[in-house]
Amino acid sequence: MPDLAWTLPVARWSAWSAQTSAALEVNFIEPMLRRRLSTLSKMGLKVAHDCVLADQPVRVIFASRHGESRRTTELLKAQAQEPMQSLSPNAFSLSVLNAAAGVFSMMRGDHSNATALAAGSETLGYALLEAFAQYTSDPQAPILVIYADEPPDPIFASVDETDAPSAALALWIADDAPGVLECHVRSSERAQVPERSLYPRQLNAALHCLETHQATCWEGAGSSWSWQWRDRKA
């Protein structure tokens, strides 16, 4: 991977974590739909709702490492137990990676472009890179980055970090933001990252930078990511 550096104007951000936050309140979603949504979708919609401007159209980038894998696993288990039983169309439609982005668009009646992506443990970093690509193509149109992830079904415990708490983050990217998030990704072979600056998950590092405005780093598989906050001059 080549070394890359870019900046994103962050006007607002919102976060939620099962480990540190209050109960997941999503009363803004109508009850019938709310009952059908997974925890992942509720997390993503929660932080998006807290971050977005009510009536302003916005491009959406929804990112999740594991996506709706828990719902998909439940569907596969049900199919294995009753092979002749048809899958629920509603359950299947909400098992895809872009389910939360679709629900968000329908709730707001917003037909702006929506992108969904997953990139393993580096998903958030690549979502921010995608946001930069979209922002440079049209700086006047805001972008909402939504990152949400929850542990996969325990059946995958042997191949994944299932103890990571469920968490979500939303960032409103707009040209009139008071500050910018400076993002860097480098090849690990060339990067020199102090051990004390490393975080267990990419989300932890980026969120710490947003909360404290201190530079943070995170070591991935073959690459090193870092973030730094810079206030814009008045």
C-alpha atoms as a PDB file:
ATOM      1  CA  MET A   1       0.000   0.000   0.000  1.00  0.00           C
ATOM      2  CA  PRO A   2       1.330   3.491  -0.849  1.00  0.00           C
ATOM      3  CA  ASP A   3       1.479   6.098   1.905  1.00  0.00           C
ATOM      4  CA  LEU A   4      -1.629   8.274   1.841  1.00  0.00           C
ATOM      5  CA  ALA A   5      -2.631  11.442   3.683  1.00  0.00           C
ATOM      6  CA  TRP A   6      -5.893  13.395   3.496  1.00  0.00           C
ATOM      7  CA  THR A   7      -8.063  15.743   5.560  1.00  0.00           C
ATOM      8  CA  LEU A   8     -11.791  15.726   6.266  1.00  0.00           C
ATOM      9  CA  PRO A   9     -13.765  18.734   7.569  1.00  0.00           C
ATOM     10  CA  VAL A  10     -15.756  17.328  10.506  1.00  0.00           C
ATOM     11  CA  ALA A  11     -18.647  19.566  11.537  1.00  0.00           C
ATOM     12  CA  ARG A  12     -20.190  17.191  14.097  1.00  0.00           C
ATOM     13  CA  TRP A  13     -19.837  13.643  15.337  1.00  0.00           C
ATOM     14  CA  SER A  14     -21.752  11.238  17.566  1.00  0.00           C
ATOM     15  CA  ALA A  15     -20.789   7.917  19.156  1.00  0.00           C
ATOM     16  CA  TRP A  16     -22.425   5.095  21.107  1.00  0.00           C
ATOM     17  CA  SER A  17     -20.903   2.050  22.806  1.00  0.00           C
ATOM     18  CA  ALA A  18     -22.494  -0.877  24.604  1.00  0.00           C
ATOM     19  CA  GLN A  19     -19.573  -0.705  27.022  1.00  0.00           C
ATOM     20  CA  THR A  20     -19.675   2.946  28.061  1.00  0.00           C
ATOM     21  CA  SER A  21     -22.932   4.522  26.856  1.00  0.00           C
ATOM     22  CA  ALA A  22     -26.471   4.607  28.201  1.00  0.00           C
ATOM     23  CA  ALA A  23     -29.251   2.388  26.878  1.00  0.00           C
ATOM     24  CA  LEU A  24     -29.738   2.393  23.115  1.00  0.00           C
ATOM     25  CA  GLU A  25     -32.661   4.817  22.734  1.00  0.00           C
ATOM     26  CA  VAL A  26     -34.198   4.754  19.254  1.00  0.00           C
ATOM     27  CA  ASN A  27     -37.695   6.085  19.901  1.00  0.00           C
ATOM     28  CA  PHE A  28     -37.408   8.227  16.778  1.00  0.00           C
ATOM     29  CA  ILE A  29     -37.914   5.029  14.748  1.00  0.00           C
ATOM     30  CA  GLU A  30     -41.563   4.049  14.381  1.00  0.00           C
ATOM     31  CA  PRO A  31     -42.406   0.974  16.545  1.00  0.00           C
ATOM     32  CA  MET A  32     -43.238  -1.523  13.788  1.00  0.00           C
ATOM     33  CA  LEU A  33     -39.936  -0.924  12.026  1.00  0.00           C
ATOM     34  CA  ARG A  34     -38.018  -0.719  15.296  1.00  0.00           C
ATOM     35  CA  ARG A  35     -39.046  -4.265  16.247  1.00  0.00           C
ATOM     36  CA  ARG A  36     -37.619  -5.608  12.989  1.00  0.00           C
ATOM     37  CA  LEU A  37     -34.224  -3.926  13.231  1.00  0.00           C
ATOM     38  CA  SER A  38     -31.080  -5.593  14.535  1.00  0.00           C
ATOM     39  CA  THR A  39     -28.903  -4.059  17.228  1.00  0.00           C
ATOM     40  CA  LEU A  40     -26.394  -3.152  14.513  1.00  0.00           C
ATOM     41  CA  SER A  41     -28.945  -1.146  12.533  1.00  0.00           C
ATOM     42  CA  LYS A  42     -30.277   0.533  15.678  1.00  0.00           C
ATOM     43  CA  MET A  43     -26.745   1.599  16.661  1.00  0.00           C
ATOM     44  CA  GLY A  44     -26.040   3.029  13.237  1.00  0.00           C
ATOM     45  CA  LEU A  45     -29.375   4.846  13.056  1.00  0.00           C
ATOM     46  CA  LYS A  46     -28.930   6.166  16.600  1.00  0.00           C
ATOM     47  CA  VAL A  47     -25.611   7.907  15.943  1.00  0.00           C
ATOM     48  CA  ALA A  48     -26.797   9.068  12.516  1.00  0.00           C
ATOM     49  CA  HIS A  49     -29.933  10.606  14.024  1.00  0.00           C
ATOM     50  CA  ASP A  50     -27.873  12.401  16.673  1.00  0.00           C
ATOM     51  CA  CYS A  51     -25.485  13.798  14.067  1.00  0.00           C
ATOM     52  CA  VAL A  52     -27.578  14.658  11.019  1.00  0.00           C
ATOM     53  CA  LEU A  53     -29.477  17.848  10.213  1.00  0.00           C
ATOM     54  CA  ALA A  54     -33.155  16.943  10.001  1.00  0.00           C
ATOM     55  CA  ASP A  55     -34.121  18.368   6.616  1.00  0.00           C
ATOM     56  CA  GLN A  56     -30.802  18.469   4.753  1.00  0.00           C
ATOM     57  CA  PRO A  57     -30.102  15.819   2.086  1.00  0.00           C
ATOM     58  CA  VAL A  58     -26.843  14.017   2.705  1.00  0.00           C
ATOM     59  CA  ARG A  59     -24.724  11.387   1.003  1.00  0.00           C
ATOM     60  CA  VAL A  60     -24.239   8.373   3.253  1.00  0.00           C
ATOM     61  CA  ILE A  61     -21.292   6.030   3.697  1.00  0.00           C
ATOM     62  CA  PHE A  62     -22.215   3.072   5.905  1.00  0.00           C
ATOM     63  CA  ALA A  63     -19.309   0.933   7.087  1.00  0.00           C
ATOM     64  CA  SER A  64     -19.227  -2.215   9.200  1.00  0.00           C
ATOM     65  CA  ARG A  65     -16.606  -4.904   9.659  1.00  0.00           C
ATOM     66  CA  HIS A  66     -19.070  -7.729  10.308  1.00  0.00           C
ATOM     67  CA  GLY A  67     -22.255  -6.168   8.981  1.00  0.00           C
ATOM     68  CA  GLU A  68     -25.469  -8.077   9.629  1.00  0.00           C
ATOM     69  CA  SER A  69     -23.600 -11.352  10.141  1.00  0.00           C
ATOM     70  CA  ARG A  70     -25.591 -12.175  13.283  1.00  0.00           C
ATOM     71  CA  ARG A  71     -28.888 -11.937  11.405  1.00  0.00           C
ATOM     72  CA  THR A  72     -27.469 -13.900   8.491  1.00  0.00           C
ATOM     73  CA  THR A  73     -26.239 -16.602  10.857  1.00  0.00           C
ATOM     74  CA  GLU A  74     -29.700 -16.848  12.424  1.00  0.00           C
ATOM     75  CA  LEU A  75     -31.248 -17.267   8.977  1.00  0.00           C
ATOM     76  CA  LEU A  76     -28.757 -20.007   8.060  1.00  0.00           C
ATOM     77  CA  LYS A  77     -29.355 -21.834  11.336  1.00  0.00           C
ATOM     78  CA  ALA A  78     -33.115 -21.705  10.780  1.00  0.00           C
ATOM     79  CA  GLN A  79     -32.658 -22.991   7.228  1.00  0.00           C
ATOM     80  CA  ALA A  80     -30.491 -25.859   8.456  1.00  0.00           C
ATOM     81  CA  GLN A  81     -33.106 -26.875  11.021  1.00  0.00           C
ATOM     82  CA  GLU A  82     -36.032 -26.608   8.607  1.00  0.00           C
ATOM     83  CA  PRO A  83     -34.675 -26.915   5.051  1.00  0.00           C
ATOM     84  CA  MET A  84     -38.144 -26.827   3.485  1.00  0.00           C
ATOM     85  CA  GLN A  85     -39.158 -23.619   5.249  1.00  0.00           C
ATOM     86  CA  SER A  86     -38.884 -20.498   3.109  1.00  0.00           C
ATOM     87  CA  LEU A  87     -36.818 -17.602   4.420  1.00  0.00           C
ATOM     88  CA  SER A  88     -38.708 -14.537   5.574  1.00  0.00           C
ATOM     89  CA  PRO A  89     -38.400 -11.863   2.857  1.00  0.00           C
ATOM     90  CA  ASN A  90     -38.383  -9.154   5.541  1.00  0.00           C
ATOM     91  CA  ALA A  91     -35.622 -10.834   7.540  1.00  0.00           C
ATOM     92  CA  PHE A  92     -33.579 -11.466   4.406  1.00  0.00           C
ATOM     93  CA  SER A  93     -33.931  -7.878   3.174  1.00  0.00           C
ATOM     94  CA  LEU A  94     -32.495  -6.626   6.470  1.00  0.00           C
ATOM     95  CA  SER A  95     -29.574  -9.067   6.476  1.00  0.00           C
ATOM     96  CA  VAL A  96     -27.520  -7.271   3.821  1.00  0.00           C
ATOM     97  CA  LEU A  97     -24.642  -4.890   4.568  1.00  0.00           C
ATOM     98  CA  ASN A  98     -26.476  -1.774   3.377  1.00  0.00           C
ATOM     99  CA  ALA A  99     -29.676  -2.475   5.351  1.00  0.00           C
ATOM    100  CA  ALA A 100     -29.148   0.396   7.801  1.00  0.00           C
ATOM    101  CA  ALA A 101     -28.286   2.819   4.989  1.00  0.00           C
ATOM    102  CA  GLY A 102     -31.481   1.838   3.167  1.00  0.00           C
ATOM    103  CA  VAL A 103     -33.631   2.268   6.273  1.00  0.00           C
ATOM    104  CA  PHE A 104     -32.010   5.649   6.958  1.00  0.00           C
ATOM    105  CA  SER A 105     -32.801   6.803   3.426  1.00  0.00           C
ATOM    106  CA  MET A 106     -36.430   5.649   3.629  1.00  0.00           C
ATOM    107  CA  MET A 107     -36.995   7.215   7.050  1.00  0.00           C
ATOM    108  CA  ARG A 108     -35.810  10.603   5.758  1.00  0.00           C
ATOM    109  CA  GLY A 109     -37.205  10.347   2.243  1.00  0.00           C
ATOM    110  CA  ASP A 110     -33.697  11.174   1.055  1.00  0.00           C
ATOM    111  CA  HIS A 111     -32.631   9.761  -2.321  1.00  0.00           C
ATOM    112  CA  SER A 112     -29.007  10.892  -2.051  1.00  0.00           C
ATOM    113  CA  ASN A 113     -26.244   8.443  -2.913  1.00  0.00           C
ATOM    114  CA  ALA A 114     -25.483   5.744  -0.334  1.00  0.00           C
ATOM    115  CA  THR A 115     -22.358   3.559  -0.196  1.00  0.00           C
ATOM    116  CA  ALA A 116     -21.778   0.484   1.987  1.00  0.00           C
ATOM    117  CA  LEU A 117     -18.345  -1.012   2.606  1.00  0.00           C
ATOM    118  CA  ALA A 118     -16.462  -3.531   4.736  1.00  0.00           C
ATOM    119  CA  ALA A 119     -12.670  -3.850   4.913  1.00  0.00           C
ATOM    120  CA  GLY A 120     -11.892  -6.110   7.845  1.00  0.00           C
ATOM    121  CA  SER A 121     -10.276  -4.502  10.882  1.00  0.00           C
ATOM    122  CA  GLU A 122      -9.445  -1.385   8.793  1.00  0.00           C
ATOM    123  CA  THR A 123     -13.069  -0.687   7.820  1.00  0.00           C
ATOM    124  CA  LEU A 124     -13.358   2.695   9.528  1.00  0.00           C
ATOM    125  CA  GLY A 125     -10.139   3.969   7.965  1.00  0.00           C
ATOM    126  CA  TYR A 126     -11.263   3.051   4.472  1.00  0.00           C
ATOM    127  CA  ALA A 127     -14.683   4.590   5.114  1.00  0.00           C
ATOM    128  CA  LEU A 128     -12.905   7.864   5.886  1.00  0.00           C
ATOM    129  CA  LEU A 129     -10.856   7.485   2.707  1.00  0.00           C
ATOM    130  CA  GLU A 130     -14.052   6.908   0.705  1.00  0.00           C
ATOM    131  CA  ALA A 131     -15.522  10.004   2.348  1.00  0.00           C
ATOM    132  CA  PHE A 132     -12.533  12.025   1.197  1.00  0.00           C
ATOM    133  CA  ALA A 133     -12.933  10.774  -2.381  1.00  0.00           C
ATOM    134  CA  GLN A 134     -16.605  11.728  -2.399  1.00  0.00           C
ATOM    135  CA  TYR A 135     -15.986  15.043  -0.668  1.00  0.00           C
ATOM    136  CA  THR A 136     -13.372  16.159  -3.204  1.00  0.00           C
ATOM    137  CA  SER A 137     -15.771  15.338  -6.047  1.00  0.00           C
ATOM    138  CA  ASP A 138     -18.374  17.737  -4.613  1.00  0.00           C
ATOM    139  CA  PRO A 139     -17.291  19.756  -1.536  1.00  0.00           C
ATOM    140  CA  GLN A 140     -20.631  21.572  -1.338  1.00  0.00           C
ATOM    141  CA  ALA A 141     -22.677  18.435  -0.637  1.00  0.00           C
ATOM    142  CA  PRO A 142     -22.318  17.081   2.930  1.00  0.00           C
ATOM    143  CA  ILE A 143     -21.465  13.464   3.692  1.00  0.00           C
ATOM    144  CA  LEU A 144     -22.527  11.365   6.671  1.00  0.00           C
ATOM    145  CA  VAL A 145     -20.110   8.585   7.594  1.00  0.00           C
ATOM    146  CA  ILE A 146     -21.749   5.900   9.735  1.00  0.00           C
ATOM    147  CA  TYR A 147     -19.618   3.153  11.271  1.00  0.00           C
ATOM    148  CA  ALA A 148     -21.359   0.439  13.295  1.00  0.00           C
ATOM    149  CA  ASP A 149     -20.157  -2.989  14.333  1.00  0.00           C
ATOM    150  CA  GLU A 150     -21.048  -5.752  16.757  1.00  0.00           C
ATOM    151  CA  PRO A 151     -19.386  -9.090  17.529  1.00  0.00           C
ATOM    152  CA  PRO A 152     -20.324 -11.932  15.180  1.00  0.00           C
ATOM    153  CA  ASP A 153     -22.232 -14.978  16.383  1.00  0.00           C
ATOM    154  CA  PRO A 154     -20.209 -17.034  18.927  1.00  0.00           C
ATOM    155  CA  ILE A 155     -19.999 -19.782  16.320  1.00  0.00           C
ATOM    156  CA  PHE A 156     -17.186 -17.724  14.780  1.00  0.00           C
ATOM    157  CA  ALA A 157     -15.278 -17.331  18.062  1.00  0.00           C
ATOM    158  CA  SER A 158     -12.315 -19.356  16.810  1.00  0.00           C
ATOM    159  CA  VAL A 159     -11.599 -16.966  13.937  1.00  0.00           C
ATOM    160  CA  ASP A 160     -12.555 -13.528  15.248  1.00  0.00           C
ATOM    161  CA  GLU A 161     -12.394 -11.143  18.220  1.00  0.00           C
ATOM    162  CA  THR A 162     -15.875 -11.731  19.569  1.00  0.00           C
ATOM    163  CA  ASP A 163     -15.200  -9.860  22.828  1.00  0.00           C
ATOM    164  CA  ALA A 164     -15.087  -6.409  21.177  1.00  0.00           C
ATOM    165  CA  PRO A 165     -18.115  -4.410  22.418  1.00  0.00           C
ATOM    166  CA  SER A 166     -20.800  -3.211  20.051  1.00  0.00           C
ATOM    167  CA  ALA A 167     -20.159   0.397  19.063  1.00  0.00           C
ATOM    168  CA  ALA A 168     -21.059   3.014  16.470  1.00  0.00           C
ATOM    169  CA  LEU A 169     -19.745   6.367  15.256  1.00  0.00           C
ATOM    170  CA  ALA A 170     -21.163   8.984  12.892  1.00  0.00           C
ATOM    171  CA  LEU A 171     -19.354  11.969  11.382  1.00  0.00           C
ATOM    172  CA  TRP A 172     -20.931  14.863   9.488  1.00  0.00           C
ATOM    173  CA  ILE A 173     -18.490  15.951   6.789  1.00  0.00           C
ATOM    174  CA  ALA A 174     -19.203  19.472   5.551  1.00  0.00           C
ATOM    175  CA  ASP A 175     -17.179  22.291   4.032  1.00  0.00           C
ATOM    176  CA  ASP A 176     -18.107  24.783   6.782  1.00  0.00           C
ATOM    177  CA  ALA A 177     -16.737  22.593   9.613  1.00  0.00           C
ATOM    178  CA  PRO A 178     -14.712  24.365  12.354  1.00  0.00           C
ATOM    179  CA  GLY A 179     -11.972  21.729  12.261  1.00  0.00           C
ATOM    180  CA  VAL A 180     -10.478  18.966  10.142  1.00  0.00           C
ATOM    181  CA  LEU A 181      -9.462  15.402  10.847  1.00  0.00           C
ATOM    182  CA  GLU A 182      -6.044  14.682   9.345  1.00  0.00           C
ATOM    183  CA  CYS A 183      -5.812  11.028   8.295  1.00  0.00           C
ATOM    184  CA  HIS A 184      -2.686   9.061   7.387  1.00  0.00           C
ATOM    185  CA  VAL A 185      -2.082   5.461   6.365  1.00  0.00           C
ATOM    186  CA  ARG A 186       1.406   4.075   5.842  1.00  0.00           C
ATOM    187  CA  SER A 187       3.007   0.753   5.126  1.00  0.00           C
ATOM    188  CA  SER A 188       3.954  -0.862   8.448  1.00  0.00           C
ATOM    189  CA  GLU A 189       7.433  -1.600   7.156  1.00  0.00           C
ATOM    190  CA  ARG A 190       8.146   2.146   6.880  1.00  0.00           C
ATOM    191  CA  ALA A 191       6.065   3.399   9.783  1.00  0.00           C
ATOM    192  CA  GLN A 192       7.495   4.038  13.219  1.00  0.00           C
ATOM    193  CA  VAL A 193       4.572   4.006  15.629  1.00  0.00           C
ATOM    194  CA  PRO A 194       5.234   4.295  19.406  1.00  0.00           C
ATOM    195  CA  GLU A 195       3.768   1.284  21.183  1.00  0.00           C
ATOM    196  CA  ARG A 196       2.025   3.507  23.718  1.00  0.00           C
ATOM    197  CA  SER A 197      -0.002   5.105  20.920  1.00  0.00           C
ATOM    198  CA  LEU A 198      -1.592   1.856  19.743  1.00  0.00           C
ATOM    199  CA  TYR A 199      -5.233   0.992  20.433  1.00  0.00           C
ATOM    200  CA  PRO A 200      -6.956  -2.409  20.348  1.00  0.00           C
ATOM    201  CA  ARG A 201      -9.375  -1.341  17.615  1.00  0.00           C
ATOM    202  CA  GLN A 202      -9.257   1.286  14.894  1.00  0.00           C
ATOM    203  CA  LEU A 203     -12.449   2.842  16.238  1.00  0.00           C
ATOM    204  CA  ASN A 204     -10.842   3.403  19.655  1.00  0.00           C
ATOM    205  CA  ALA A 205      -7.972   5.368  18.143  1.00  0.00           C
ATOM    206  CA  ALA A 206     -10.081   7.568  15.876  1.00  0.00           C
ATOM    207  CA  LEU A 207     -12.635   8.218  18.620  1.00  0.00           C
ATOM    208  CA  HIS A 208      -9.920   9.190  21.115  1.00  0.00           C
ATOM    209  CA  CYS A 209      -8.613  11.743  18.624  1.00  0.00           C
ATOM    210  CA  LEU A 210     -12.099  13.222  18.180  1.00  0.00           C
ATOM    211  CA  GLU A 211     -12.700  13.363  21.937  1.00  0.00           C
ATOM    212  CA  THR A 212      -9.344  14.788  23.036  1.00  0.00           C
ATOM    213  CA  HIS A 213      -7.928  16.379  19.853  1.00  0.00           C
ATOM    214  CA  GLN A 214      -4.736  14.427  20.549  1.00  0.00           C
ATOM    215  CA  ALA A 215      -2.903  12.549  17.781  1.00  0.00           C
ATOM    216  CA  THR A 216      -3.524   8.803  17.833  1.00  0.00           C
ATOM    217  CA  CYS A 217      -2.169   5.798  15.932  1.00  0.00           C
ATOM    218  CA  TRP A 218      -3.388   2.286  15.227  1.00  0.00           C
ATOM    219  CA  GLU A 219      -1.471  -0.646  13.759  1.00  0.00           C
ATOM    220  CA  GLY A 220      -3.298  -2.803  11.230  1.00  0.00           C
ATOM    221  CA  ALA A 221      -2.415  -5.799   9.103  1.00  0.00           C
ATOM    222  CA  GLY A 222       0.524  -4.473   7.082  1.00  0.00           C
ATOM    223  CA  SER A 223      -0.324  -0.809   7.576  1.00  0.00           C
ATOM    224  CA  SER A 224      -0.306   1.911  10.217  1.00  0.00           C
ATOM    225  CA  TRP A 225      -3.128   4.441  10.563  1.00  0.00           C
ATOM    226  CA  SER A 226      -2.983   7.762  12.409  1.00  0.00           C
ATOM    227  CA  TRP A 227      -5.337  10.672  13.061  1.00  0.00           C
ATOM    228  CA  GLN A 228      -4.802  14.238  14.196  1.00  0.00           C
ATOM    229  CA  TRP A 229      -7.248  17.081  14.814  1.00  0.00           C
ATOM    230  CA  ARG A 230      -6.577  20.586  13.560  1.00  0.00           C
ATOM    231  CA  ASP A 231      -8.784  23.606  14.201  1.00  0.00           C
ATOM    232  CA  ARG A 232      -9.424  25.842  11.252  1.00  0.00           C
ATOM    233  CA  LYS A 233      -8.341  29.451  11.552  1.00  0.00           C
ATOM    234  CA  ALA A 234     -11.180  31.936  11.946  1.00  0.00           C
END
